[in-house]
Amino acid sequence: MVLYAGRLAAEKNVGLAIDAYGAMRRVSPRLRFVLVGDGPLGAALRRDHPDLVFAGFRTGDDLAAHYASADVFLFPSETETFGNVTLEAMASGLG
C-alpha cells in the first residue's frame, strides 16, 4: 500500500504523489494508493481518480494504523520544509 496523509490542497502537491503512484503501479500492479485527509481538492480528486482509496480525515490510533499498514509513505510538498506527517509516519513505525 502507498499512503499519502495530509490536507488535500494544491500546495501539498498531491498530483506528484499520484504520478509517482502511477509509476509504481507499472512495476507492481497490485499496489493500492490510500489518501488520508481531506481538503479543497478532495471532491475533484475523488471524481478524477475513482481507483484511489480515500480514507478521509483520521486521528489517533486510526491514523497510526493507516501509517503502520503502509509500505510507502509519500510526502510530495515542494513548499513545506518539514511536515508533521513525517513525524507521524515515523512514530507509527513507518520509516
C-alpha atoms as a PDB file:
ATOM      1  CA  MET A   1       0.000   0.000   0.000  1.00  0.00           C
ATOM      2  CA  VAL A   2       1.138   3.511  -0.847  1.00  0.00           C
ATOM      3  CA  LEU A   3      -0.002   6.203   1.591  1.00  0.00           C
ATOM      4  CA  TYR A   4      -0.457   9.950   1.373  1.00  0.00           C
ATOM      5  CA  ALA A   5      -1.605  11.603   4.594  1.00  0.00           C
ATOM      6  CA  GLY A   6      -2.341  15.282   4.850  1.00  0.00           C
ATOM      7  CA  ARG A   7      -4.515  18.071   3.620  1.00  0.00           C
ATOM      8  CA  LEU A   8      -5.791  17.609   0.075  1.00  0.00           C
ATOM      9  CA  ALA A   9      -4.758  21.046  -1.172  1.00  0.00           C
ATOM     10  CA  ALA A  10      -2.765  22.399  -4.109  1.00  0.00           C
ATOM     11  CA  GLU A  11       0.240  23.431  -2.009  1.00  0.00           C
ATOM     12  CA  LYS A  12       0.648  19.814  -0.859  1.00  0.00           C
ATOM     13  CA  ASN A  13       1.443  18.707  -4.441  1.00  0.00           C
ATOM     14  CA  VAL A  14      -0.839  15.669  -4.276  1.00  0.00           C
ATOM     15  CA  GLY A  15      -0.649  15.388  -8.079  1.00  0.00           C
ATOM     16  CA  LEU A  16       3.028  14.457  -7.837  1.00  0.00           C
ATOM     17  CA  ALA A  17       2.160  11.691  -5.361  1.00  0.00           C
ATOM     18  CA  ILE A  18      -0.485  10.375  -7.758  1.00  0.00           C
ATOM     19  CA  ASP A  19       2.016  10.438 -10.638  1.00  0.00           C
ATOM     20  CA  ALA A  20       4.595   8.576  -8.523  1.00  0.00           C
ATOM     21  CA  TYR A  21       1.961   6.007  -7.612  1.00  0.00           C
ATOM     22  CA  GLY A  22       1.209   5.512 -11.301  1.00  0.00           C
ATOM     23  CA  ALA A  23       4.882   4.769 -11.965  1.00  0.00           C
ATOM     24  CA  MET A  24       4.963   2.309  -9.051  1.00  0.00           C
ATOM     25  CA  ARG A  25       1.874   0.519 -10.366  1.00  0.00           C
ATOM     26  CA  ARG A  26       3.587  -0.119 -13.681  1.00  0.00           C
ATOM     27  CA  VAL A  27       6.091  -2.216 -11.717  1.00  0.00           C
ATOM     28  CA  SER A  28       3.659  -3.603  -9.086  1.00  0.00           C
ATOM     29  CA  PRO A  29       0.100  -3.547 -10.459  1.00  0.00           C
ATOM     30  CA  ARG A  30      -1.384  -4.830  -7.185  1.00  0.00           C
ATOM     31  CA  LEU A  31      -0.407  -1.678  -5.267  1.00  0.00           C
ATOM     32  CA  ARG A  32      -3.183   0.489  -3.841  1.00  0.00           C
ATOM     33  CA  PHE A  33      -2.981   4.185  -3.053  1.00  0.00           C
ATOM     34  CA  VAL A  34      -4.696   5.382   0.114  1.00  0.00           C
ATOM     35  CA  LEU A  35      -5.155   9.084   0.769  1.00  0.00           C
ATOM     36  CA  VAL A  36      -5.813  10.030   4.384  1.00  0.00           C
ATOM     37  CA  GLY A  37      -7.127  13.543   4.880  1.00  0.00           C
ATOM     38  CA  ASP A  38      -9.466  15.955   3.185  1.00  0.00           C
ATOM     39  CA  GLY A  39      -9.435  19.469   1.851  1.00  0.00           C
ATOM     40  CA  PRO A  40     -10.324  21.720  -1.074  1.00  0.00           C
ATOM     41  CA  LEU A  41      -9.123  19.229  -3.720  1.00  0.00           C
ATOM     42  CA  GLY A  42     -10.947  16.276  -2.177  1.00  0.00           C
ATOM     43  CA  ALA A  43     -14.039  16.320  -4.413  1.00  0.00           C
ATOM     44  CA  ALA A  44     -12.049  16.807  -7.632  1.00  0.00           C
ATOM     45  CA  LEU A  45      -9.582  14.061  -6.706  1.00  0.00           C
ATOM     46  CA  ARG A  46     -12.422  11.644  -5.925  1.00  0.00           C
ATOM     47  CA  ARG A  47     -14.042  12.473  -9.257  1.00  0.00           C
ATOM     48  CA  ASP A  48     -10.829  12.248 -11.322  1.00  0.00           C
ATOM     49  CA  HIS A  49      -9.281   9.217  -9.563  1.00  0.00           C
ATOM     50  CA  PRO A  50     -12.005   6.731  -8.603  1.00  0.00           C
ATOM     51  CA  ASP A  51      -9.363   3.982  -8.429  1.00  0.00           C
ATOM     52  CA  LEU A  52      -7.741   5.576  -5.366  1.00  0.00           C
ATOM     53  CA  VAL A  53      -8.872   4.866  -1.796  1.00  0.00           C
ATOM     54  CA  PHE A  54      -9.997   7.978   0.094  1.00  0.00           C
ATOM     55  CA  ALA A  55      -9.977   7.286   3.829  1.00  0.00           C
ATOM     56  CA  GLY A  56     -10.993  10.790   4.896  1.00  0.00           C
ATOM     57  CA  PHE A  57      -9.780  12.628   7.982  1.00  0.00           C
ATOM     58  CA  ARG A  58      -8.335  10.289  10.649  1.00  0.00           C
ATOM     59  CA  THR A  59      -6.805  10.842  14.079  1.00  0.00           C
ATOM     60  CA  GLY A  60      -5.203   8.945  16.923  1.00  0.00           C
ATOM     61  CA  ASP A  61      -4.910   5.173  16.760  1.00  0.00           C
ATOM     62  CA  ASP A  62      -6.877   5.046  13.500  1.00  0.00           C
ATOM     63  CA  LEU A  63      -4.385   7.361  11.782  1.00  0.00           C
ATOM     64  CA  ALA A  64      -1.446   5.438  13.272  1.00  0.00           C
ATOM     65  CA  ALA A  65      -2.909   2.180  11.922  1.00  0.00           C
ATOM     66  CA  HIS A  66      -3.040   3.666   8.415  1.00  0.00           C
ATOM     67  CA  TYR A  67       0.602   4.708   8.636  1.00  0.00           C
ATOM     68  CA  ALA A  68       1.690   1.363  10.093  1.00  0.00           C
ATOM     69  CA  SER A  69      -0.037  -0.635   7.353  1.00  0.00           C
ATOM     70  CA  ALA A  70       1.640   1.279   4.512  1.00  0.00           C
ATOM     71  CA  ASP A  71       4.608   0.045   2.518  1.00  0.00           C
ATOM     72  CA  VAL A  72       5.441   3.520   1.205  1.00  0.00           C
ATOM     73  CA  PHE A  73       4.632   6.976   2.571  1.00  0.00           C
ATOM     74  CA  LEU A  74       4.755   9.888   0.116  1.00  0.00           C
ATOM     75  CA  PHE A  75       5.396  13.482   1.192  1.00  0.00           C
ATOM     76  CA  PRO A  76       5.326  15.389  -2.134  1.00  0.00           C
ATOM     77  CA  SER A  77       5.130  19.013  -0.948  1.00  0.00           C
ATOM     78  CA  GLU A  78       7.729  21.282  -2.516  1.00  0.00           C
ATOM     79  CA  THR A  79       6.916  24.205  -0.230  1.00  0.00           C
ATOM     80  CA  GLU A  80       6.938  22.684   3.262  1.00  0.00           C
ATOM     81  CA  THR A  81      10.385  22.289   4.725  1.00  0.00           C
ATOM     82  CA  PHE A  82       9.185  19.820   7.320  1.00  0.00           C
ATOM     83  CA  GLY A  83       5.701  18.399   7.690  1.00  0.00           C
ATOM     84  CA  ASN A  84       4.222  16.947  10.842  1.00  0.00           C
ATOM     85  CA  VAL A  85       3.094  13.978   8.771  1.00  0.00           C
ATOM     86  CA  THR A  86       6.747  12.903   8.559  1.00  0.00           C
ATOM     87  CA  LEU A  87       6.928  12.612  12.353  1.00  0.00           C
ATOM     88  CA  GLU A  88       3.549  10.873  12.472  1.00  0.00           C
ATOM     89  CA  ALA A  89       4.708   8.279   9.927  1.00  0.00           C
ATOM     90  CA  MET A  90       7.941   7.645  11.802  1.00  0.00           C
ATOM     91  CA  ALA A  91       6.165   7.423  15.163  1.00  0.00           C
ATOM     92  CA  SER A  92       3.833   4.818  13.670  1.00  0.00           C
ATOM     93  CA  GLY A  93       6.721   2.590  12.684  1.00  0.00           C
ATOM     94  CA  LEU A  94       6.912   3.542   9.008  1.00  0.00           C
ATOM     95  CA  GLY A  95      10.342   4.683   8.124  1.00  0.00           C
END
